[in-house]
């Protein structure tokens, strides 16, 4: 017979009072400050709620503007065959790079806020390399637009043989290949110089080493800037010589002093805006002492070029404007009434004599307008509806 054994098991609740267990430790609930310390460490530049709000607001406005304006430009080139000419292909290349920058901005901002926890060098370098890729294509496309306009004036008879559909496609492909090589250089240089697969600081100046920044400045920004300034400078000289020739030929029609030439202001605005947006960020290539927030805002200033490019190189063209209006009417029919407001177009002729001859036409009320060649009589002409104009021009 097997003896019977009674076993009693007692379970004691743990005492959470630290005074009753001097050697133990009481469980604690993490405070809000400790949680914020993990999310945004004290060494992170984005610890201020005001700075966080400002950065999110700026990125939201920039990203929305960049995506909408460049997407409309790309759809216009795709939909209307008249816009698919070699010169506009450079504008489309610029718009595609800017569109990519707009899409990359929101995840880039998230990376900026959380990069303090990134230790893998590949994950750290990838966002920076993507921005370098897209900004390089944008810079090369802006330069191509400037050189294209300069070529049309320097070699007007050979222009159609130089700038063809095939050559422009090859140039754009080279832009992307060259930009891809440039964007991979910081990563290659890191592994050749450091050889480490991890990093303790994932800031721009820490992983994009000074030689890499200087290399990008020398082989990308400096040549593009010189070509842009030189091309538009040549365009200005040619335009000024043409204006003086027109003025000297038709001096007899001049009644008032010359007004400021619009072409000079336009070219100065184009070059000035380019330098204003891109040059401040280039200071990062020469120093490591800038604060991380300063580098962030300088980068946003350079990226703001993607929001102004469609207006500087696309929508200033009447064909692009009309095509965009047609697209907006298709997508938002309720805007048709607002977009079909009566418009007044003035006869735009080259010489003042032509304007005066037009001014003798009866049955129209005339008025005088000051231009760079003289004060002439110009005839207001009510335009056709947007639909008729778009059909005629597109």
Foldseek 3Di string as FASTA:
>chain_A
DDDDDDDDDDDDDDDQDCVVPVVDDHDDDDDPVNVCCVQANPPQPPPDPVVVVVLVVLLVVLLVLLQVLLVLLLVLVVPDVVCPFLLCVLVNQLSVLLNVVSVLSVVVVVCSSRVQPFWFLCVLLVSVLSNQLSLLSNLQSLLVNLVLVLCCVVPVPCSPVVRHPVVSVVSSVVSNVVSNVLSCVLVVVCCVPPVDRTDNDSFPPVSSDLVSLVVCCVPGVVVSLVSNVVSLVSVVVVVVVVLVVLQVVPVVQADDAFDDAPSVVLSCVVSVLLCVQPVVLSVSSPDDPDDRVVNVVSVSSNSSVSSCSCVSPNCVDPLSVLSSVVVCCVVPVVCLVVQFDKDKDKDDDDHQVVQQVVQVDPPFDWDWDHHRRHIHIITIDTDDTSVVVNVVSD
